[in-house]
N, C-alpha and C. Protein backbone atom coordinates (compact mmCIF):
# COMPACT_ATOMS: atom_id res chain seq x y z
N MET A 1 54.60 -14.68 166.16
CA MET A 1 54.71 -16.13 165.97
C MET A 1 55.73 -16.66 166.95
N ILE A 2 55.36 -17.82 167.59
CA ILE A 2 56.22 -18.48 168.55
C ILE A 2 56.58 -19.82 167.99
N VAL A 3 57.86 -20.14 167.95
CA VAL A 3 58.34 -21.41 167.41
C VAL A 3 58.82 -22.25 168.56
N ILE A 4 58.28 -23.48 168.69
CA ILE A 4 58.67 -24.43 169.73
C ILE A 4 59.19 -25.65 169.03
N ILE A 5 60.42 -26.00 169.27
CA ILE A 5 61.06 -27.13 168.60
C ILE A 5 61.25 -28.23 169.62
N SER A 6 60.70 -29.43 169.32
CA SER A 6 60.89 -30.60 170.17
C SER A 6 61.82 -31.56 169.47
N SER A 7 61.89 -32.83 169.97
CA SER A 7 62.82 -33.81 169.41
C SER A 7 62.45 -34.21 168.00
N ASN A 8 61.11 -34.39 167.71
CA ASN A 8 60.70 -34.83 166.38
C ASN A 8 59.65 -33.94 165.76
N LYS A 9 59.15 -32.96 166.49
CA LYS A 9 58.10 -32.09 165.97
C LYS A 9 58.41 -30.65 166.32
N THR A 10 57.86 -29.82 165.55
CA THR A 10 58.01 -28.38 165.77
C THR A 10 56.63 -27.79 165.87
N TRP A 11 56.41 -27.02 166.91
CA TRP A 11 55.12 -26.39 167.13
C TRP A 11 55.22 -24.91 166.75
N TYR A 12 54.28 -24.48 165.95
CA TYR A 12 54.19 -23.08 165.56
C TYR A 12 52.89 -22.54 166.13
N CYS A 13 52.99 -21.54 166.91
CA CYS A 13 51.81 -20.92 167.50
C CYS A 13 51.63 -19.55 166.87
N LEU A 14 50.58 -19.42 166.13
CA LEU A 14 50.26 -18.14 165.50
C LEU A 14 49.05 -17.58 166.24
N GLN A 15 49.31 -16.65 167.05
CA GLN A 15 48.27 -16.02 167.86
C GLN A 15 47.49 -17.09 168.65
N SER A 16 46.36 -17.55 168.16
CA SER A 16 45.52 -18.50 168.91
C SER A 16 45.59 -19.90 168.37
N ARG A 17 46.26 -20.13 167.28
CA ARG A 17 46.35 -21.45 166.70
C ARG A 17 47.78 -21.95 166.74
N CYS A 18 47.88 -23.28 166.93
CA CYS A 18 49.19 -23.91 166.94
C CYS A 18 49.23 -24.95 165.85
N LEU A 19 50.26 -24.91 165.07
CA LEU A 19 50.43 -25.86 163.97
C LEU A 19 51.57 -26.79 164.32
N VAL A 20 51.36 -28.06 163.94
CA VAL A 20 52.38 -29.08 164.19
C VAL A 20 52.94 -29.50 162.84
N ILE A 21 54.25 -29.36 162.66
CA ILE A 21 54.91 -29.70 161.39
C ILE A 21 56.01 -30.68 161.71
N PRO A 22 56.07 -31.80 160.99
CA PRO A 22 57.16 -32.74 161.26
C PRO A 22 58.52 -32.08 161.02
N ALA A 23 59.50 -32.64 161.74
CA ALA A 23 60.84 -32.06 161.62
C ALA A 23 61.44 -32.28 160.26
N THR A 24 61.03 -33.39 159.57
CA THR A 24 61.59 -33.66 158.24
C THR A 24 61.10 -32.68 157.21
N THR A 25 59.90 -32.12 157.41
CA THR A 25 59.34 -31.17 156.45
C THR A 25 59.28 -29.78 157.04
N LEU A 26 60.26 -29.50 157.90
CA LEU A 26 60.26 -28.20 158.59
C LEU A 26 60.66 -27.11 157.63
N LEU A 27 59.92 -26.10 157.63
CA LEU A 27 60.22 -24.91 156.83
C LEU A 27 60.13 -23.72 157.75
N LEU A 28 61.27 -23.18 157.98
CA LEU A 28 61.32 -22.05 158.90
C LEU A 28 60.92 -20.80 158.16
N LEU A 29 59.86 -20.27 158.61
CA LEU A 29 59.36 -19.03 158.02
C LEU A 29 59.57 -17.93 159.04
N LEU A 30 60.73 -17.39 158.97
CA LEU A 30 61.07 -16.34 159.92
C LEU A 30 60.88 -15.00 159.25
N PRO A 31 60.54 -14.01 160.03
CA PRO A 31 60.36 -12.69 159.41
C PRO A 31 61.69 -12.11 158.94
N LEU A 32 61.67 -11.49 157.82
CA LEU A 32 62.86 -10.85 157.25
C LEU A 32 63.22 -9.62 158.07
N PRO A 33 64.51 -9.35 158.19
CA PRO A 33 64.89 -8.13 158.93
C PRO A 33 64.42 -6.90 158.19
N THR A 34 64.21 -5.92 158.94
CA THR A 34 63.69 -4.68 158.35
C THR A 34 64.74 -3.97 157.52
N THR A 35 66.06 -4.07 157.88
CA THR A 35 67.14 -3.40 157.13
C THR A 35 68.01 -4.45 156.46
N LEU A 36 68.22 -4.31 155.18
CA LEU A 36 69.05 -5.25 154.42
C LEU A 36 70.50 -4.77 154.42
N PRO A 37 71.49 -5.69 154.45
CA PRO A 37 72.90 -5.26 154.35
C PRO A 37 73.18 -4.68 152.98
N PRO A 38 74.09 -3.77 152.93
CA PRO A 38 74.38 -3.14 151.61
C PRO A 38 74.96 -4.19 150.66
N PRO A 39 74.56 -4.15 149.43
CA PRO A 39 75.09 -5.13 148.46
C PRO A 39 76.58 -4.87 148.20
N LEU A 40 77.24 -5.95 147.83
CA LEU A 40 78.67 -5.83 147.52
C LEU A 40 78.84 -5.07 146.21
N LEU A 41 79.65 -3.99 146.29
CA LEU A 41 79.87 -3.18 145.09
C LEU A 41 81.01 -3.76 144.29
N PRO A 42 80.97 -3.72 143.02
CA PRO A 42 82.10 -4.21 142.19
C PRO A 42 83.29 -3.29 142.36
N PRO A 43 84.52 -3.81 142.18
CA PRO A 43 85.71 -2.94 142.31
C PRO A 43 85.69 -1.84 141.27
N PRO A 44 86.23 -0.70 141.67
CA PRO A 44 86.22 0.42 140.70
C PRO A 44 87.11 0.10 139.51
N PRO A 45 86.74 0.57 138.38
CA PRO A 45 87.57 0.30 137.19
C PRO A 45 88.92 1.00 137.30
N PRO A 46 89.96 0.44 136.72
CA PRO A 46 91.28 1.10 136.77
C PRO A 46 91.24 2.43 136.05
N PRO A 47 92.06 3.36 136.54
CA PRO A 47 92.06 4.68 135.89
C PRO A 47 92.58 4.57 134.46
N PRO A 48 92.08 5.37 133.61
CA PRO A 48 92.55 5.30 132.21
C PRO A 48 94.00 5.74 132.12
N PRO A 49 94.76 5.17 131.22
CA PRO A 49 96.16 5.58 131.07
C PRO A 49 96.25 7.04 130.66
N PRO A 50 97.32 7.71 131.11
CA PRO A 50 97.46 9.12 130.74
C PRO A 50 97.60 9.28 129.23
N VAL A 51 97.00 10.30 128.79
CA VAL A 51 97.04 10.58 127.36
C VAL A 51 98.40 11.18 127.01
N VAL A 52 99.14 10.52 126.16
CA VAL A 52 100.46 10.97 125.74
C VAL A 52 100.31 11.71 124.42
N ILE A 53 100.69 12.94 124.47
CA ILE A 53 100.63 13.76 123.27
C ILE A 53 102.01 13.75 122.64
N LEU A 54 102.13 13.09 121.53
CA LEU A 54 103.41 13.00 120.84
C LEU A 54 103.65 14.28 120.05
N SER A 55 104.77 14.92 120.39
CA SER A 55 105.13 16.13 119.67
C SER A 55 106.03 15.76 118.51
N PRO A 56 105.84 16.34 117.38
CA PRO A 56 106.71 16.02 116.24
C PRO A 56 108.14 16.46 116.53
N CYS A 57 109.08 15.77 115.92
CA CYS A 57 110.49 16.13 116.10
C CYS A 57 110.76 17.49 115.48
N ALA A 58 111.90 18.03 115.82
CA ALA A 58 112.25 19.36 115.32
C ALA A 58 112.35 19.38 113.80
N ALA A 59 112.83 18.28 113.21
CA ALA A 59 112.97 18.24 111.75
C ALA A 59 111.61 18.29 111.07
N CYS A 60 110.67 17.45 111.53
CA CYS A 60 109.34 17.44 110.92
C CYS A 60 108.59 18.74 111.20
N LYS A 61 108.82 19.32 112.38
CA LYS A 61 108.16 20.59 112.66
C LYS A 61 108.67 21.70 111.75
N ILE A 62 109.96 21.72 111.51
CA ILE A 62 110.52 22.76 110.62
C ILE A 62 110.12 22.50 109.17
N LEU A 63 110.11 21.23 108.79
CA LEU A 63 109.73 20.89 107.41
C LEU A 63 108.22 20.90 107.21
N ARG A 64 107.45 21.10 108.28
CA ARG A 64 105.99 21.17 108.22
C ARG A 64 105.40 19.89 107.61
N ARG A 65 105.78 18.80 108.18
CA ARG A 65 105.24 17.52 107.72
C ARG A 65 104.89 16.67 108.93
N ARG A 66 104.15 15.61 108.67
CA ARG A 66 103.71 14.73 109.75
C ARG A 66 104.87 13.84 110.19
N CYS A 67 105.07 13.77 111.51
CA CYS A 67 106.15 12.96 112.06
C CYS A 67 105.61 11.56 112.33
N VAL A 68 106.06 10.59 111.58
CA VAL A 68 105.58 9.21 111.71
C VAL A 68 106.25 8.54 112.90
N ASP A 69 105.79 7.33 113.20
CA ASP A 69 106.34 6.61 114.36
C ASP A 69 107.81 6.26 114.17
N LYS A 70 108.19 5.82 113.00
CA LYS A 70 109.57 5.41 112.73
C LYS A 70 110.30 6.49 111.93
N CYS A 71 110.19 7.71 112.40
CA CYS A 71 110.88 8.81 111.73
C CYS A 71 112.39 8.65 111.92
N VAL A 72 113.13 8.76 110.84
CA VAL A 72 114.59 8.59 110.92
C VAL A 72 115.24 9.73 111.67
N LEU A 73 114.66 10.91 111.59
CA LEU A 73 115.28 12.09 112.19
C LEU A 73 114.88 12.31 113.64
N ALA A 74 113.81 11.68 114.10
CA ALA A 74 113.29 11.95 115.45
C ALA A 74 114.28 11.64 116.56
N PRO A 75 115.01 10.51 116.54
CA PRO A 75 115.93 10.25 117.67
C PRO A 75 117.08 11.23 117.79
N TYR A 76 117.39 11.96 116.74
CA TYR A 76 118.60 12.80 116.72
C TYR A 76 118.29 14.29 116.70
N PHE A 77 117.05 14.65 116.42
CA PHE A 77 116.65 16.06 116.40
C PHE A 77 115.39 16.20 117.25
N PRO A 78 115.53 16.26 118.59
CA PRO A 78 114.35 16.36 119.46
C PRO A 78 113.66 17.70 119.29
N PRO A 79 112.39 17.77 119.69
CA PRO A 79 111.67 19.05 119.52
C PRO A 79 112.19 20.15 120.43
N THR A 80 112.95 19.81 121.45
CA THR A 80 113.48 20.83 122.36
C THR A 80 114.72 21.54 121.82
N ASP A 81 115.26 21.07 120.71
CA ASP A 81 116.48 21.68 120.16
C ASP A 81 116.31 21.88 118.66
N PRO A 82 115.48 22.83 118.27
CA PRO A 82 115.26 23.03 116.82
C PRO A 82 116.45 23.65 116.11
N LEU A 83 117.31 24.37 116.85
CA LEU A 83 118.45 25.02 116.19
C LEU A 83 119.42 23.99 115.61
N LYS A 84 119.50 22.83 116.22
CA LYS A 84 120.41 21.78 115.75
C LYS A 84 120.06 21.35 114.33
N PHE A 85 118.78 21.10 114.07
CA PHE A 85 118.38 20.70 112.72
C PHE A 85 118.42 21.89 111.77
N THR A 86 118.13 23.08 112.27
CA THR A 86 118.14 24.25 111.39
C THR A 86 119.52 24.46 110.79
N ILE A 87 120.56 24.34 111.59
CA ILE A 87 121.92 24.54 111.10
C ILE A 87 122.31 23.44 110.12
N ALA A 88 122.03 22.18 110.49
CA ALA A 88 122.38 21.08 109.59
C ALA A 88 121.59 21.14 108.29
N HIS A 89 120.31 21.50 108.37
CA HIS A 89 119.48 21.58 107.16
C HIS A 89 119.92 22.73 106.26
N ARG A 90 120.43 23.78 106.86
CA ARG A 90 120.88 24.92 106.06
C ARG A 90 122.08 24.57 105.20
N VAL A 91 122.95 23.71 105.66
CA VAL A 91 124.18 23.38 104.92
C VAL A 91 123.99 22.13 104.06
N PHE A 92 123.40 21.08 104.62
CA PHE A 92 123.33 19.80 103.91
C PHE A 92 121.98 19.55 103.24
N GLY A 93 120.91 20.05 103.83
CA GLY A 93 119.59 19.76 103.30
C GLY A 93 119.00 18.52 103.95
N ALA A 94 117.68 18.52 104.09
CA ALA A 94 117.01 17.42 104.79
C ALA A 94 117.13 16.11 104.04
N SER A 95 117.01 16.15 102.72
CA SER A 95 117.08 14.91 101.93
C SER A 95 118.47 14.26 102.05
N ASN A 96 119.51 15.06 102.02
CA ASN A 96 120.86 14.50 102.15
C ASN A 96 121.09 13.94 103.55
N ILE A 97 120.56 14.62 104.56
CA ILE A 97 120.72 14.11 105.93
C ILE A 97 120.02 12.76 106.08
N ILE A 98 118.80 12.65 105.56
CA ILE A 98 118.07 11.38 105.64
C ILE A 98 118.81 10.30 104.86
N LYS A 99 119.34 10.65 103.70
CA LYS A 99 120.08 9.67 102.90
C LYS A 99 121.33 9.18 103.63
N PHE A 100 122.07 10.10 104.23
CA PHE A 100 123.27 9.71 104.98
C PHE A 100 122.92 8.77 106.14
N LEU A 101 121.86 9.09 106.86
CA LEU A 101 121.49 8.27 108.01
C LEU A 101 120.99 6.89 107.60
N GLN A 102 120.28 6.80 106.50
CA GLN A 102 119.78 5.50 106.04
C GLN A 102 120.90 4.60 105.55
N GLU A 103 121.99 5.17 105.10
CA GLU A 103 123.12 4.36 104.64
C GLU A 103 123.99 3.84 105.78
N LEU A 104 123.78 4.34 106.98
CA LEU A 104 124.60 3.94 108.13
C LEU A 104 123.82 3.03 109.07
N PRO A 105 124.50 2.16 109.81
CA PRO A 105 123.81 1.41 110.86
C PRO A 105 123.40 2.33 112.01
N GLU A 106 122.44 1.89 112.79
CA GLU A 106 121.91 2.74 113.86
C GLU A 106 122.96 3.07 114.91
N SER A 107 123.94 2.21 115.09
CA SER A 107 124.98 2.46 116.10
C SER A 107 125.89 3.62 115.72
N GLN A 108 125.92 4.01 114.44
CA GLN A 108 126.81 5.08 113.99
C GLN A 108 126.07 6.36 113.62
N ARG A 109 124.77 6.35 113.71
CA ARG A 109 124.01 7.52 113.25
C ARG A 109 124.17 8.72 114.19
N ALA A 110 124.25 8.47 115.47
CA ALA A 110 124.40 9.60 116.41
C ALA A 110 125.72 10.33 116.17
N ASP A 111 126.80 9.59 115.96
CA ASP A 111 128.09 10.24 115.67
C ASP A 111 128.05 10.97 114.34
N ALA A 112 127.35 10.40 113.37
CA ALA A 112 127.25 11.07 112.07
C ALA A 112 126.49 12.39 112.19
N VAL A 113 125.43 12.40 112.97
CA VAL A 113 124.67 13.64 113.15
C VAL A 113 125.52 14.69 113.86
N SER A 114 126.27 14.27 114.88
CA SER A 114 127.15 15.23 115.58
C SER A 114 128.19 15.80 114.63
N SER A 115 128.75 14.96 113.76
CA SER A 115 129.75 15.43 112.80
C SER A 115 129.14 16.41 111.80
N MET A 116 127.94 16.10 111.32
CA MET A 116 127.29 17.01 110.36
C MET A 116 126.96 18.35 111.00
N VAL A 117 126.50 18.32 112.25
CA VAL A 117 126.18 19.58 112.92
C VAL A 117 127.44 20.40 113.16
N TYR A 118 128.54 19.75 113.55
CA TYR A 118 129.80 20.47 113.76
C TYR A 118 130.30 21.07 112.44
N GLU A 119 130.25 20.29 111.40
CA GLU A 119 130.73 20.80 110.11
C GLU A 119 129.85 21.94 109.61
N ALA A 120 128.54 21.84 109.86
CA ALA A 120 127.65 22.93 109.45
C ALA A 120 127.96 24.20 110.23
N HIS A 121 128.22 24.08 111.53
CA HIS A 121 128.62 25.25 112.33
C HIS A 121 129.90 25.87 111.75
N ALA A 122 130.89 25.03 111.45
CA ALA A 122 132.16 25.55 110.92
C ALA A 122 131.96 26.19 109.56
N ARG A 123 131.10 25.62 108.73
CA ARG A 123 130.86 26.19 107.40
C ARG A 123 130.16 27.54 107.50
N ILE A 124 129.28 27.68 108.48
CA ILE A 124 128.60 28.97 108.65
C ILE A 124 129.58 30.02 109.17
N ARG A 125 130.48 29.64 110.09
CA ARG A 125 131.46 30.59 110.60
C ARG A 125 132.50 30.95 109.55
N ASP A 126 132.93 29.97 108.78
CA ASP A 126 133.97 30.20 107.77
C ASP A 126 133.48 29.59 106.46
N PRO A 127 132.79 30.38 105.63
CA PRO A 127 132.25 29.81 104.39
C PRO A 127 133.32 29.33 103.41
N VAL A 128 134.55 29.81 103.52
CA VAL A 128 135.60 29.44 102.55
C VAL A 128 136.22 28.09 102.92
N TYR A 129 136.71 27.99 104.13
CA TYR A 129 137.42 26.78 104.53
C TYR A 129 136.56 25.81 105.35
N GLY A 130 135.60 26.32 106.06
CA GLY A 130 134.76 25.43 106.85
C GLY A 130 135.54 24.79 107.98
N CYS A 131 135.30 23.49 108.17
CA CYS A 131 135.99 22.79 109.25
C CYS A 131 137.46 22.57 108.92
N ALA A 132 137.83 22.67 107.62
CA ALA A 132 139.25 22.53 107.26
C ALA A 132 140.09 23.64 107.88
N GLY A 133 139.54 24.85 107.95
CA GLY A 133 140.26 25.94 108.60
C GLY A 133 140.49 25.66 110.08
N ALA A 134 139.47 25.14 110.75
CA ALA A 134 139.64 24.80 112.17
C ALA A 134 140.67 23.69 112.35
N ILE A 135 140.65 22.72 111.43
CA ILE A 135 141.62 21.62 111.51
C ILE A 135 143.04 22.14 111.31
N CYS A 136 143.22 23.03 110.33
CA CYS A 136 144.56 23.61 110.10
C CYS A 136 145.04 24.41 111.31
N GLN A 137 144.12 25.15 111.92
CA GLN A 137 144.50 25.93 113.10
C GLN A 137 144.91 25.01 114.24
N LEU A 138 144.19 23.93 114.42
CA LEU A 138 144.55 22.97 115.48
C LEU A 138 145.88 22.30 115.18
N GLN A 139 146.12 21.96 113.91
CA GLN A 139 147.41 21.36 113.56
C GLN A 139 148.56 22.34 113.79
N LYS A 140 148.32 23.62 113.53
CA LYS A 140 149.35 24.62 113.80
C LYS A 140 149.65 24.71 115.29
N GLN A 141 148.61 24.69 116.10
CA GLN A 141 148.82 24.72 117.55
C GLN A 141 149.57 23.47 118.02
N ILE A 142 149.25 22.33 117.42
CA ILE A 142 149.95 21.10 117.78
C ILE A 142 151.43 21.20 117.44
N GLY A 143 151.75 21.77 116.25
CA GLY A 143 153.15 21.95 115.88
C GLY A 143 153.90 22.86 116.83
N GLU A 144 153.25 23.97 117.23
CA GLU A 144 153.89 24.89 118.17
C GLU A 144 154.12 24.22 119.53
N LEU A 145 153.15 23.47 119.98
CA LEU A 145 153.32 22.79 121.26
C LEU A 145 154.39 21.72 121.19
N GLN A 146 154.49 21.03 120.07
CA GLN A 146 155.54 20.03 119.92
C GLN A 146 156.92 20.68 119.91
N ALA A 147 157.04 21.87 119.26
CA ALA A 147 158.32 22.57 119.27
C ALA A 147 158.69 23.02 120.69
N GLN A 148 157.70 23.53 121.43
CA GLN A 148 157.97 23.91 122.82
C GLN A 148 158.39 22.71 123.66
N LEU A 149 157.76 21.59 123.41
CA LEU A 149 158.12 20.38 124.15
C LEU A 149 159.54 19.93 123.82
N ALA A 150 159.92 20.03 122.53
CA ALA A 150 161.28 19.64 122.15
C ALA A 150 162.31 20.56 122.80
N ARG A 151 162.02 21.88 122.82
CA ARG A 151 162.95 22.80 123.47
C ARG A 151 163.06 22.51 124.97
N ALA A 152 161.96 22.24 125.59
CA ALA A 152 162.00 21.93 127.02
C ALA A 152 162.79 20.65 127.29
N GLN A 153 162.60 19.65 126.44
CA GLN A 153 163.36 18.41 126.62
C GLN A 153 164.85 18.63 126.40
N ALA A 154 165.22 19.48 125.40
CA ALA A 154 166.64 19.78 125.17
C ALA A 154 167.24 20.52 126.36
N GLU A 155 166.50 21.48 126.90
CA GLU A 155 167.00 22.20 128.08
C GLU A 155 167.16 21.26 129.27
N ALA A 156 166.22 20.35 129.44
CA ALA A 156 166.32 19.40 130.55
C ALA A 156 167.54 18.49 130.38
N ALA A 157 167.79 18.04 129.13
CA ALA A 157 168.97 17.20 128.89
C ALA A 157 170.26 17.97 129.14
N SER A 158 170.29 19.26 128.71
CA SER A 158 171.48 20.08 128.95
C SER A 158 171.72 20.28 130.44
N MET A 159 170.67 20.53 131.18
CA MET A 159 170.83 20.72 132.62
C MET A 159 171.30 19.43 133.30
N GLN A 160 170.81 18.30 132.83
CA GLN A 160 171.27 17.03 133.40
C GLN A 160 172.76 16.81 133.11
N THR A 161 173.19 17.18 131.88
CA THR A 161 174.61 17.03 131.53
C THR A 161 175.47 17.95 132.39
N GLN A 162 175.03 19.20 132.54
CA GLN A 162 175.78 20.13 133.39
C GLN A 162 175.85 19.65 134.83
N GLN A 163 174.77 19.10 135.32
CA GLN A 163 174.78 18.59 136.69
C GLN A 163 175.75 17.43 136.84
N ALA A 164 175.76 16.53 135.86
CA ALA A 164 176.69 15.40 135.94
C ALA A 164 178.14 15.88 135.88
N HIS A 165 178.43 16.88 134.99
CA HIS A 165 179.78 17.43 134.89
C HIS A 165 180.19 18.11 136.19
N LEU A 166 179.26 18.85 136.79
CA LEU A 166 179.57 19.53 138.05
C LEU A 166 179.85 18.53 139.16
N VAL A 167 179.08 17.47 139.20
CA VAL A 167 179.32 16.44 140.22
C VAL A 167 180.68 15.79 140.03
N ALA A 168 181.07 15.56 138.75
CA ALA A 168 182.39 14.98 138.48
C ALA A 168 183.51 15.91 138.93
N LEU A 169 183.35 17.22 138.66
CA LEU A 169 184.36 18.19 139.10
C LEU A 169 184.48 18.21 140.62
N ILE A 170 183.34 18.15 141.29
CA ILE A 170 183.38 18.16 142.76
C ILE A 170 184.12 16.94 143.29
N TYR A 171 183.86 15.79 142.69
CA TYR A 171 184.57 14.58 143.11
C TYR A 171 186.08 14.70 142.86
N MET A 172 186.46 15.28 141.72
CA MET A 172 187.88 15.44 141.41
C MET A 172 188.55 16.37 142.41
N GLU A 173 187.91 17.50 142.72
CA GLU A 173 188.49 18.43 143.69
C GLU A 173 188.62 17.79 145.07
N MET A 174 187.61 17.02 145.45
CA MET A 174 187.69 16.35 146.74
C MET A 174 188.83 15.34 146.77
N ALA A 175 189.03 14.63 145.65
CA ALA A 175 190.12 13.66 145.59
C ALA A 175 191.48 14.35 145.65
N GLN A 176 191.64 15.48 144.91
CA GLN A 176 192.91 16.21 144.94
C GLN A 176 193.18 16.79 146.32
N THR A 177 192.17 17.32 146.96
CA THR A 177 192.36 17.87 148.31
C THR A 177 192.79 16.79 149.28
N GLY A 178 192.24 15.63 149.17
CA GLY A 178 192.63 14.53 150.05
C GLY A 178 194.05 14.08 149.81
N SER A 179 194.51 14.04 148.55
CA SER A 179 195.88 13.63 148.25
C SER A 179 196.89 14.66 148.75
N LEU A 180 196.58 15.97 148.60
CA LEU A 180 197.49 17.02 149.08
C LEU A 180 197.60 16.97 150.60
N ALA A 181 196.50 16.76 151.25
CA ALA A 181 196.57 16.69 152.72
C ALA A 181 197.41 15.50 153.16
N HIS A 182 197.36 14.43 152.43
CA HIS A 182 198.16 13.26 152.77
C HIS A 182 199.65 13.52 152.53
N GLN A 183 199.98 14.28 151.48
CA GLN A 183 201.37 14.58 151.18
C GLN A 183 201.97 15.56 152.18
N GLU A 184 201.19 16.49 152.70
CA GLU A 184 201.70 17.51 153.61
C GLU A 184 201.97 16.98 155.01
N GLN A 185 201.60 15.78 155.32
CA GLN A 185 201.89 15.24 156.64
C GLN A 185 203.39 15.01 156.81
N PRO A 186 204.07 15.41 157.98
CA PRO A 186 205.54 15.24 158.16
C PRO A 186 205.91 13.77 158.23
N MET A 187 207.05 13.47 157.59
CA MET A 187 207.55 12.11 157.57
C MET A 187 208.49 11.91 158.77
N ILE A 188 208.27 10.96 159.62
CA ILE A 188 209.07 10.69 160.82
C ILE A 188 209.99 9.52 160.52
N PHE A 189 211.34 9.81 160.59
CA PHE A 189 212.35 8.77 160.33
C PHE A 189 213.18 8.56 161.60
N PRO A 190 213.85 7.44 161.80
CA PRO A 190 214.76 7.23 162.96
C PRO A 190 216.03 8.08 162.83
N GLU A 191 216.61 8.46 163.97
CA GLU A 191 217.79 9.33 163.95
C GLU A 191 218.99 8.58 163.36
N GLN A 192 219.61 9.24 162.46
CA GLN A 192 220.82 8.68 161.82
C GLN A 192 221.94 9.73 161.91
N THR A 193 223.23 9.26 162.18
CA THR A 193 224.38 10.17 162.31
C THR A 193 225.16 10.18 161.01
N THR A 194 225.18 11.36 160.43
CA THR A 194 225.90 11.49 159.15
C THR A 194 227.37 11.72 159.45
N PRO A 195 228.29 11.48 158.49
CA PRO A 195 229.73 11.73 158.71
C PRO A 195 230.03 13.17 159.04
N HIS A 196 229.32 14.12 158.35
CA HIS A 196 229.55 15.53 158.61
C HIS A 196 229.18 15.87 160.04
N HIS A 197 228.08 15.37 160.49
CA HIS A 197 227.66 15.63 161.86
C HIS A 197 228.64 15.02 162.86
N HIS A 198 229.16 13.86 162.55
CA HIS A 198 230.14 13.22 163.43
C HIS A 198 231.45 14.01 163.49
N HIS A 199 231.84 14.58 162.32
CA HIS A 199 233.06 15.40 162.28
C HIS A 199 232.91 16.64 163.12
N LEU A 200 231.73 17.32 162.99
CA LEU A 200 231.51 18.53 163.77
C LEU A 200 231.49 18.21 165.26
N GLN A 201 230.90 17.11 165.60
CA GLN A 201 230.84 16.77 167.01
C GLN A 201 232.22 16.46 167.58
N SER A 202 233.05 15.77 166.79
CA SER A 202 234.41 15.45 167.26
C SER A 202 235.29 16.69 167.36
N SER A 203 235.13 17.63 166.42
CA SER A 203 235.91 18.87 166.48
C SER A 203 235.52 19.70 167.69
N ASN A 204 234.22 19.71 167.99
CA ASN A 204 233.77 20.45 169.17
C ASN A 204 234.36 19.84 170.44
N ASN A 205 234.42 18.55 170.44
CA ASN A 205 235.00 17.89 171.61
C ASN A 205 236.50 18.21 171.75
N ILE A 206 237.16 18.25 170.61
CA ILE A 206 238.59 18.57 170.64
C ILE A 206 238.83 19.98 171.13
N ASP A 207 238.03 20.94 170.63
CA ASP A 207 238.21 22.33 171.04
C ASP A 207 237.94 22.47 172.54
N THR A 208 236.91 21.82 172.95
CA THR A 208 236.60 21.91 174.38
C THR A 208 237.71 21.30 175.24
N ALA A 209 238.26 20.24 174.75
CA ALA A 209 239.35 19.59 175.51
C ALA A 209 240.60 20.47 175.55
N CYS A 210 240.82 21.17 174.45
CA CYS A 210 241.99 22.06 174.42
C CYS A 210 241.84 23.16 175.45
N PHE A 211 240.61 23.76 175.49
CA PHE A 211 240.43 24.87 176.44
C PHE A 211 240.40 24.39 177.88
N LEU A 212 239.97 23.17 178.05
CA LEU A 212 239.88 22.68 179.42
C LEU A 212 241.13 21.93 179.88
N ASP A 213 242.19 21.93 179.10
CA ASP A 213 243.41 21.20 179.48
C ASP A 213 244.12 21.96 180.63
N GLU A 214 244.58 21.25 181.62
CA GLU A 214 245.21 21.87 182.79
C GLU A 214 246.63 22.37 182.51
N SER A 215 247.20 21.91 181.39
CA SER A 215 248.57 22.34 181.08
C SER A 215 248.63 23.77 180.62
N TRP A 216 247.50 24.30 180.30
CA TRP A 216 247.48 25.69 179.87
C TRP A 216 247.55 26.58 181.09
N GLU A 217 248.43 27.55 181.00
CA GLU A 217 248.57 28.50 182.10
C GLU A 217 247.75 29.74 181.78
N PRO A 218 247.21 30.31 182.80
CA PRO A 218 246.44 31.52 182.52
C PRO A 218 247.35 32.66 182.10
N LEU A 219 246.75 33.55 181.31
CA LEU A 219 247.52 34.67 180.80
C LEU A 219 247.83 35.67 181.90
N TRP A 220 247.06 35.74 182.87
CA TRP A 220 247.34 36.63 184.01
C TRP A 220 247.00 35.92 185.28
N THR A 221 247.64 36.37 186.19
CA THR A 221 247.48 35.78 187.52
C THR A 221 246.96 36.84 188.46
């Protein structure tokens, strides 16, 4: 088929015949392509969420019961640490543990569980005294350390006193040494003639004058 388009008419030539169709009523009958484009596929569905297998807490596993969603014991006794609940359950019992936790606010339950587990450990180690024995032992150690500290402080005070006394003695010795050195310096006074010295000097002059007098005759000639 040959399509000829003019200003107001379109000529269609089909082999030996030509058809004239007005442009207002033009219907293009074109052959369809032999290959169709692939249809648009819908987006793949999102992958299913991973299946979470909830394991019961250690308390429910040991007690052989179903662990509910709001289990009181689940946050404090995970399934990875069954020994923690075993020790606490052996001393206090599951019902008492649940009762204690329900009476406390959630902000204090973790500390309460830690205290119960510690006390249960102490009770198993020492069935007579339990944690009281450990507390007494710690208080004894505190007393011994306080006594050692008091002795050390007394020794330090004594050493400080001895040091101060020694420094005072050193200052005193230095002061005494300085005063003695000042006293040992010779005192320089102006020359003064005493009467005794004047008498000796005059007698010496007299004796010399007597021996040097010309009136004396020699004993031999």
